[in-house]
């Protein structure tokens, strides 16, 4: 029986040197254990509870639900502690370390939603800062499947990643080219969706459109 894919979001964090942030999943994890991945995960029920007083500037791609954007921002904060929340006056976000850790715990335990976090801190999520650049669905023959939207965002000023030790063994900044070279030399493990995303970003930095091909088109990258 074919498994129905779960809605999911993946988000690429880009620094001011055009490097991407990759995290290594613990080897004990059932899905891609030991692989380097971008932050991401399944879209949760709370991600669908939208309030456009706190989610600004509309939806840049209306072919899918805005919950995918919210899930991407939530996963980025849960996994690596980078919060894509903006103040009304545009000033840099400042959450003290203890507050951030507590919010991450509450989110991971399902005690609050990302929207509730925004409301409590008087922040809003600016969708103009989150760019959609691809959509992949896990092949039908796989036992674990996701229907995943891919996004990219810039590291906010004054923030630095702080990975969750329960979800991340180690993490590093890579240029897309260096990450692919490390994979090709056997230094790191990458799954096909991550490779496709990296190739797409690397090509866009060389002047092509930032949009991932489908799996069929991307097969030539693995030959």
C-alpha atoms as a PDB file:
ATOM      1  CA  UNK A   1       0.000   0.000   0.000  1.00  0.00           C
ATOM      2  CA  UNK A   2       1.345   3.431  -0.966  1.00  0.00           C
ATOM      3  CA  UNK A   3       1.987   5.712   1.998  1.00  0.00           C
ATOM      4  CA  UNK A   4       0.282   9.133   1.814  1.00  0.00           C
ATOM      5  CA  UNK A   5       2.994  11.812   2.063  1.00  0.00           C
ATOM      6  CA  UNK A   6       2.843  14.197   5.018  1.00  0.00           C
ATOM      7  CA  UNK A   7       2.936  17.957   4.315  1.00  0.00           C
ATOM      8  CA  UNK A   8       6.364  19.314   5.309  1.00  0.00           C
ATOM      9  CA  UNK A   9       8.626  22.345   5.021  1.00  0.00           C
ATOM     10  CA  UNK A  10      12.393  22.685   4.679  1.00  0.00           C
ATOM     11  CA  UNK A  11      14.174  26.011   5.104  1.00  0.00           C
ATOM     12  CA  UNK A  12      17.670  27.002   4.003  1.00  0.00           C
ATOM     13  CA  UNK A  13      19.387  29.546   6.231  1.00  0.00           C
ATOM     14  CA  UNK A  14      21.775  31.771   4.271  1.00  0.00           C
ATOM     15  CA  UNK A  15      24.415  33.979   5.901  1.00  0.00           C
ATOM     16  CA  UNK A  16      25.841  37.256   4.585  1.00  0.00           C
ATOM     17  CA  UNK A  17      28.657  35.351   2.847  1.00  0.00           C
ATOM     18  CA  UNK A  18      26.115  33.293   0.858  1.00  0.00           C
ATOM     19  CA  UNK A  19      26.865  30.149   2.881  1.00  0.00           C
ATOM     20  CA  UNK A  20      24.139  27.706   3.886  1.00  0.00           C
ATOM     21  CA  UNK A  21      23.670  26.185   7.338  1.00  0.00           C
ATOM     22  CA  UNK A  22      23.612  22.381   7.368  1.00  0.00           C
ATOM     23  CA  UNK A  23      22.863  20.266  10.432  1.00  0.00           C
ATOM     24  CA  UNK A  24      23.838  16.623  10.954  1.00  0.00           C
ATOM     25  CA  UNK A  25      21.003  14.410  12.199  1.00  0.00           C
ATOM     26  CA  UNK A  26      21.850  11.952  14.986  1.00  0.00           C
ATOM     27  CA  UNK A  27      22.567   8.455  13.628  1.00  0.00           C
ATOM     28  CA  UNK A  28      19.840   7.096  15.916  1.00  0.00           C
ATOM     29  CA  UNK A  29      17.138   8.915  13.935  1.00  0.00           C
ATOM     30  CA  UNK A  30      14.991   6.656  11.744  1.00  0.00           C
ATOM     31  CA  UNK A  31      14.739   9.117   8.853  1.00  0.00           C
ATOM     32  CA  UNK A  32      18.113  10.110   7.324  1.00  0.00           C
ATOM     33  CA  UNK A  33      20.057   9.442  10.523  1.00  0.00           C
ATOM     34  CA  UNK A  34      23.658  10.650  10.146  1.00  0.00           C
ATOM     35  CA  UNK A  35      22.847  12.817   7.121  1.00  0.00           C
ATOM     36  CA  UNK A  36      23.423  16.557   6.802  1.00  0.00           C
ATOM     37  CA  UNK A  37      20.132  18.350   6.193  1.00  0.00           C
ATOM     38  CA  UNK A  38      18.498  21.755   6.310  1.00  0.00           C
ATOM     39  CA  UNK A  39      16.123  22.541   9.195  1.00  0.00           C
ATOM     40  CA  UNK A  40      12.641  21.248   8.526  1.00  0.00           C
ATOM     41  CA  UNK A  41       9.829  18.915   9.432  1.00  0.00           C
ATOM     42  CA  UNK A  42       6.142  18.148   9.117  1.00  0.00           C
ATOM     43  CA  UNK A  43       3.506  20.885   9.006  1.00  0.00           C
ATOM     44  CA  UNK A  44       1.656  20.736  12.339  1.00  0.00           C
ATOM     45  CA  UNK A  45      -1.960  21.482  13.181  1.00  0.00           C
ATOM     46  CA  UNK A  46      -1.036  24.754  14.921  1.00  0.00           C
ATOM     47  CA  UNK A  47       0.686  26.023  11.767  1.00  0.00           C
ATOM     48  CA  UNK A  48      -2.706  26.272  10.052  1.00  0.00           C
ATOM     49  CA  UNK A  49      -4.068  28.693  12.698  1.00  0.00           C
ATOM     50  CA  UNK A  50      -3.304  31.905  10.835  1.00  0.00           C
ATOM     51  CA  UNK A  51      -3.849  35.481  11.991  1.00  0.00           C
ATOM     52  CA  UNK A  52      -2.770  38.028   9.407  1.00  0.00           C
ATOM     53  CA  UNK A  53      -2.323  40.680  12.059  1.00  0.00           C
ATOM     54  CA  UNK A  54       0.829  38.749  12.960  1.00  0.00           C
ATOM     55  CA  UNK A  55       1.690  37.287   9.547  1.00  0.00           C
ATOM     56  CA  UNK A  56       2.518  40.150   7.209  1.00  0.00           C
ATOM     57  CA  UNK A  57       2.729  40.883   3.476  1.00  0.00           C
ATOM     58  CA  UNK A  58       0.489  38.181   2.110  1.00  0.00           C
ATOM     59  CA  UNK A  59       1.506  34.882   0.576  1.00  0.00           C
ATOM     60  CA  UNK A  60       4.162  35.022  -2.105  1.00  0.00           C
ATOM     61  CA  UNK A  61       3.061  31.714  -3.597  1.00  0.00           C
ATOM     62  CA  UNK A  62      -0.645  30.963  -3.353  1.00  0.00           C
ATOM     63  CA  UNK A  63      -0.558  27.479  -4.898  1.00  0.00           C
ATOM     64  CA  UNK A  64      -0.272  26.047  -1.372  1.00  0.00           C
ATOM     65  CA  UNK A  65      -1.343  26.905   2.166  1.00  0.00           C
ATOM     66  CA  UNK A  66       0.456  29.637   4.134  1.00  0.00           C
ATOM     67  CA  UNK A  67       0.898  27.048   6.899  1.00  0.00           C
ATOM     68  CA  UNK A  68       3.965  25.797   5.001  1.00  0.00           C
ATOM     69  CA  UNK A  69       5.637  29.179   5.547  1.00  0.00           C
ATOM     70  CA  UNK A  70       4.751  29.124   9.235  1.00  0.00           C
ATOM     71  CA  UNK A  71       6.079  25.557   9.586  1.00  0.00           C
ATOM     72  CA  UNK A  72       9.364  26.596   7.966  1.00  0.00           C
ATOM     73  CA  UNK A  73       9.811  29.484  10.418  1.00  0.00           C
ATOM     74  CA  UNK A  74       8.818  27.320  13.384  1.00  0.00           C
ATOM     75  CA  UNK A  75      11.214  24.509  12.469  1.00  0.00           C
ATOM     76  CA  UNK A  76      14.067  26.982  12.022  1.00  0.00           C
ATOM     77  CA  UNK A  77      13.509  28.310  15.531  1.00  0.00           C
ATOM     78  CA  UNK A  78      12.965  24.894  17.123  1.00  0.00           C
ATOM     79  CA  UNK A  79      16.032  23.271  15.574  1.00  0.00           C
ATOM     80  CA  UNK A  80      18.625  26.049  15.449  1.00  0.00           C
ATOM     81  CA  UNK A  81      17.188  28.930  17.498  1.00  0.00           C
ATOM     82  CA  UNK A  82      16.879  31.494  14.687  1.00  0.00           C
ATOM     83  CA  UNK A  83      13.597  33.395  15.037  1.00  0.00           C
ATOM     84  CA  UNK A  84      12.119  35.047  11.946  1.00  0.00           C
ATOM     85  CA  UNK A  85      10.014  37.480  13.918  1.00  0.00           C
ATOM     86  CA  UNK A  86      10.049  41.232  13.315  1.00  0.00           C
ATOM     87  CA  UNK A  87       9.131  44.090  15.604  1.00  0.00           C
ATOM     88  CA  UNK A  88       6.587  46.660  14.444  1.00  0.00           C
ATOM     89  CA  UNK A  89       9.202  49.398  14.254  1.00  0.00           C
ATOM     90  CA  UNK A  90      11.624  47.216  12.275  1.00  0.00           C
ATOM     91  CA  UNK A  91      14.292  47.067  14.982  1.00  0.00           C
ATOM     92  CA  UNK A  92      16.415  43.941  15.399  1.00  0.00           C
ATOM     93  CA  UNK A  93      14.775  41.207  17.429  1.00  0.00           C
ATOM     94  CA  UNK A  94      16.193  40.659  20.908  1.00  0.00           C
ATOM     95  CA  UNK A  95      15.088  37.618  22.937  1.00  0.00           C
ATOM     96  CA  UNK A  96      17.247  36.711  25.897  1.00  0.00           C
ATOM     97  CA  UNK A  97      18.758  33.226  25.830  1.00  0.00           C
ATOM     98  CA  UNK A  98      16.596  31.817  28.610  1.00  0.00           C
ATOM     99  CA  UNK A  99      13.368  33.056  27.020  1.00  0.00           C
ATOM    100  CA  UNK A 100      14.339  31.621  23.632  1.00  0.00           C
ATOM    101  CA  UNK A 101      15.170  28.220  25.140  1.00  0.00           C
ATOM    102  CA  UNK A 102      11.840  28.111  26.981  1.00  0.00           C
ATOM    103  CA  UNK A 103       9.871  29.028  23.849  1.00  0.00           C
ATOM    104  CA  UNK A 104      11.681  26.308  21.895  1.00  0.00           C
ATOM    105  CA  UNK A 105      10.795  23.765  24.573  1.00  0.00           C
ATOM    106  CA  UNK A 106       7.152  24.811  24.552  1.00  0.00           C
ATOM    107  CA  UNK A 107       7.002  24.531  20.752  1.00  0.00           C
ATOM    108  CA  UNK A 108       8.695  21.121  20.679  1.00  0.00           C
ATOM    109  CA  UNK A 109       6.321  19.838  23.380  1.00  0.00           C
ATOM    110  CA  UNK A 110       3.306  21.171  21.484  1.00  0.00           C
ATOM    111  CA  UNK A 111       2.281  23.458  24.345  1.00  0.00           C
ATOM    112  CA  UNK A 112       2.109  26.579  22.179  1.00  0.00           C
ATOM    113  CA  UNK A 113       1.949  27.353  18.459  1.00  0.00           C
ATOM    114  CA  UNK A 114       4.300  29.618  16.555  1.00  0.00           C
ATOM    115  CA  UNK A 115       1.457  32.145  16.218  1.00  0.00           C
ATOM    116  CA  UNK A 116       1.034  32.224  20.014  1.00  0.00           C
ATOM    117  CA  UNK A 117       4.757  32.949  20.367  1.00  0.00           C
ATOM    118  CA  UNK A 118       4.436  35.879  17.954  1.00  0.00           C
ATOM    119  CA  UNK A 119       1.425  37.245  19.840  1.00  0.00           C
ATOM    120  CA  UNK A 120       3.065  36.956  23.257  1.00  0.00           C
ATOM    121  CA  UNK A 121       6.188  38.794  22.092  1.00  0.00           C
ATOM    122  CA  UNK A 122       4.385  41.366  19.952  1.00  0.00           C
ATOM    123  CA  UNK A 123       6.116  40.196  16.777  1.00  0.00           C
ATOM    124  CA  UNK A 124       5.041  39.438  13.242  1.00  0.00           C
ATOM    125  CA  UNK A 125       6.275  36.994  10.615  1.00  0.00           C
ATOM    126  CA  UNK A 126       7.164  38.842   7.421  1.00  0.00           C
ATOM    127  CA  UNK A 127       6.594  36.443   4.528  1.00  0.00           C
ATOM    128  CA  UNK A 128       8.653  38.685   2.234  1.00  0.00           C
ATOM    129  CA  UNK A 129      11.697  37.386   4.135  1.00  0.00           C
ATOM    130  CA  UNK A 130      10.929  33.733   3.276  1.00  0.00           C
ATOM    131  CA  UNK A 131      11.325  32.747  -0.381  1.00  0.00           C
ATOM    132  CA  UNK A 132       9.728  29.603  -1.791  1.00  0.00           C
ATOM    133  CA  UNK A 133      12.003  27.845  -4.281  1.00  0.00           C
ATOM    134  CA  UNK A 134      10.869  24.279  -4.749  1.00  0.00           C
ATOM    135  CA  UNK A 135       8.522  21.359  -4.182  1.00  0.00           C
ATOM    136  CA  UNK A 136       9.436  17.668  -3.955  1.00  0.00           C
ATOM    137  CA  UNK A 137       7.387  14.610  -3.017  1.00  0.00           C
ATOM    138  CA  UNK A 138       9.091  11.449  -1.731  1.00  0.00           C
ATOM    139  CA  UNK A 139       8.776   8.643  -4.345  1.00  0.00           C
ATOM    140  CA  UNK A 140       5.822   6.265  -3.930  1.00  0.00           C
ATOM    141  CA  UNK A 141       7.945   3.210  -3.141  1.00  0.00           C
ATOM    142  CA  UNK A 142       9.425   4.767   0.033  1.00  0.00           C
ATOM    143  CA  UNK A 143       8.005   3.735   3.453  1.00  0.00           C
ATOM    144  CA  UNK A 144       8.289   7.278   4.869  1.00  0.00           C
ATOM    145  CA  UNK A 145       7.032  10.017   2.566  1.00  0.00           C
ATOM    146  CA  UNK A 146       6.806  13.820   2.668  1.00  0.00           C
ATOM    147  CA  UNK A 147       5.209  16.411   0.414  1.00  0.00           C
ATOM    148  CA  UNK A 148       7.801  19.126   0.999  1.00  0.00           C
ATOM    149  CA  UNK A 149       8.011  22.806   0.137  1.00  0.00           C
ATOM    150  CA  UNK A 150      11.497  24.345   0.183  1.00  0.00           C
ATOM    151  CA  UNK A 151      12.223  27.890   1.359  1.00  0.00           C
ATOM    152  CA  UNK A 152      15.266  30.095   1.797  1.00  0.00           C
ATOM    153  CA  UNK A 153      15.841  32.984   4.212  1.00  0.00           C
ATOM    154  CA  UNK A 154      18.626  35.315   5.300  1.00  0.00           C
ATOM    155  CA  UNK A 155      20.140  35.091   8.786  1.00  0.00           C
ATOM    156  CA  UNK A 156      18.611  38.041  10.710  1.00  0.00           C
ATOM    157  CA  UNK A 157      20.950  40.715  12.028  1.00  0.00           C
ATOM    158  CA  UNK A 158      22.174  40.028  15.542  1.00  0.00           C
ATOM    159  CA  UNK A 159      21.149  36.348  15.556  1.00  0.00           C
ATOM    160  CA  UNK A 160      23.332  33.256  15.443  1.00  0.00           C
ATOM    161  CA  UNK A 161      22.349  29.578  15.210  1.00  0.00           C
ATOM    162  CA  UNK A 162      22.159  27.599  18.441  1.00  0.00           C
ATOM    163  CA  UNK A 163      21.307  24.000  17.465  1.00  0.00           C
ATOM    164  CA  UNK A 164      19.088  21.773  19.606  1.00  0.00           C
ATOM    165  CA  UNK A 165      21.423  19.022  20.880  1.00  0.00           C
ATOM    166  CA  UNK A 166      18.549  16.504  20.825  1.00  0.00           C
ATOM    167  CA  UNK A 167      17.984  16.967  17.092  1.00  0.00           C
ATOM    168  CA  UNK A 168      21.431  17.990  15.837  1.00  0.00           C
ATOM    169  CA  UNK A 169      24.770  16.186  16.298  1.00  0.00           C
ATOM    170  CA  UNK A 170      26.778  18.992  14.713  1.00  0.00           C
ATOM    171  CA  UNK A 171      26.252  21.887  12.336  1.00  0.00           C
ATOM    172  CA  UNK A 172      28.366  23.992  10.003  1.00  0.00           C
ATOM    173  CA  UNK A 173      28.220  26.776   7.478  1.00  0.00           C
ATOM    174  CA  UNK A 174      29.136  25.656   3.938  1.00  0.00           C
ATOM    175  CA  UNK A 175      29.201  27.308   0.574  1.00  0.00           C
ATOM    176  CA  UNK A 176      26.905  25.199  -1.631  1.00  0.00           C
ATOM    177  CA  UNK A 177      29.902  24.151  -3.717  1.00  0.00           C
ATOM    178  CA  UNK A 178      31.922  23.095  -0.652  1.00  0.00           C
ATOM    179  CA  UNK A 179      28.996  21.062   0.700  1.00  0.00           C
ATOM    180  CA  UNK A 180      28.630  19.218  -2.610  1.00  0.00           C
ATOM    181  CA  UNK A 181      32.395  18.643  -2.791  1.00  0.00           C
ATOM    182  CA  UNK A 182      32.400  17.237   0.759  1.00  0.00           C
ATOM    183  CA  UNK A 183      29.587  14.877  -0.255  1.00  0.00           C
ATOM    184  CA  UNK A 184      31.366  13.759  -3.430  1.00  0.00           C
ATOM    185  CA  UNK A 185      34.557  13.026  -1.478  1.00  0.00           C
ATOM    186  CA  UNK A 186      32.627  10.985   1.108  1.00  0.00           C
ATOM    187  CA  UNK A 187      33.183  13.404   3.997  1.00  0.00           C
ATOM    188  CA  UNK A 188      29.472  14.023   4.599  1.00  0.00           C
ATOM    189  CA  UNK A 189      26.221  12.250   3.703  1.00  0.00           C
ATOM    190  CA  UNK A 190      23.532  14.124   1.768  1.00  0.00           C
ATOM    191  CA  UNK A 191      20.105  12.935   0.661  1.00  0.00           C
ATOM    192  CA  UNK A 192      18.915  13.604  -2.911  1.00  0.00           C
ATOM    193  CA  UNK A 193      16.522  16.473  -1.946  1.00  0.00           C
ATOM    194  CA  UNK A 194      19.384  18.269  -0.145  1.00  0.00           C
ATOM    195  CA  UNK A 195      21.659  17.794  -3.155  1.00  0.00           C
ATOM    196  CA  UNK A 196      19.004  19.177  -5.490  1.00  0.00           C
ATOM    197  CA  UNK A 197      18.490  22.204  -3.218  1.00  0.00           C
ATOM    198  CA  UNK A 198      22.245  22.849  -2.989  1.00  0.00           C
ATOM    199  CA  UNK A 199      22.702  22.577  -6.750  1.00  0.00           C
ATOM    200  CA  UNK A 200      19.777  24.946  -7.304  1.00  0.00           C
ATOM    201  CA  UNK A 201      21.214  27.546  -4.892  1.00  0.00           C
ATOM    202  CA  UNK A 202      24.724  27.212  -6.357  1.00  0.00           C
ATOM    203  CA  UNK A 203      23.368  27.668  -9.881  1.00  0.00           C
ATOM    204  CA  UNK A 204      21.306  30.686  -8.805  1.00  0.00           C
ATOM    205  CA  UNK A 205      24.431  32.286  -7.345  1.00  0.00           C
ATOM    206  CA  UNK A 206      25.887  31.929 -10.831  1.00  0.00           C
ATOM    207  CA  UNK A 207      22.963  33.703 -12.442  1.00  0.00           C
ATOM    208  CA  UNK A 208      20.210  31.122 -13.051  1.00  0.00           C
ATOM    209  CA  UNK A 209      16.670  31.175 -11.656  1.00  0.00           C
ATOM    210  CA  UNK A 210      16.243  30.089  -8.036  1.00  0.00           C
ATOM    211  CA  UNK A 211      13.759  27.245  -8.562  1.00  0.00           C
ATOM    212  CA  UNK A 212      14.335  23.548  -7.950  1.00  0.00           C
ATOM    213  CA  UNK A 213      13.657  21.118 -10.812  1.00  0.00           C
ATOM    214  CA  UNK A 214      11.397  18.118 -10.304  1.00  0.00           C
ATOM    215  CA  UNK A 215      12.927  14.742  -9.460  1.00  0.00           C
ATOM    216  CA  UNK A 216      12.753  13.514 -13.061  1.00  0.00           C
ATOM    217  CA  UNK A 217      14.629  16.558 -14.399  1.00  0.00           C
ATOM    218  CA  UNK A 218      17.159  16.421 -11.557  1.00  0.00           C
ATOM    219  CA  UNK A 219      18.123  12.800 -12.298  1.00  0.00           C
ATOM    220  CA  UNK A 220      20.891  14.011 -14.606  1.00  0.00           C
ATOM    221  CA  UNK A 221      22.638  15.501 -11.552  1.00  0.00           C
ATOM    222  CA  UNK A 222      23.092  12.012 -10.118  1.00  0.00           C
ATOM    223  CA  UNK A 223      24.381  10.294 -13.247  1.00  0.00           C
END
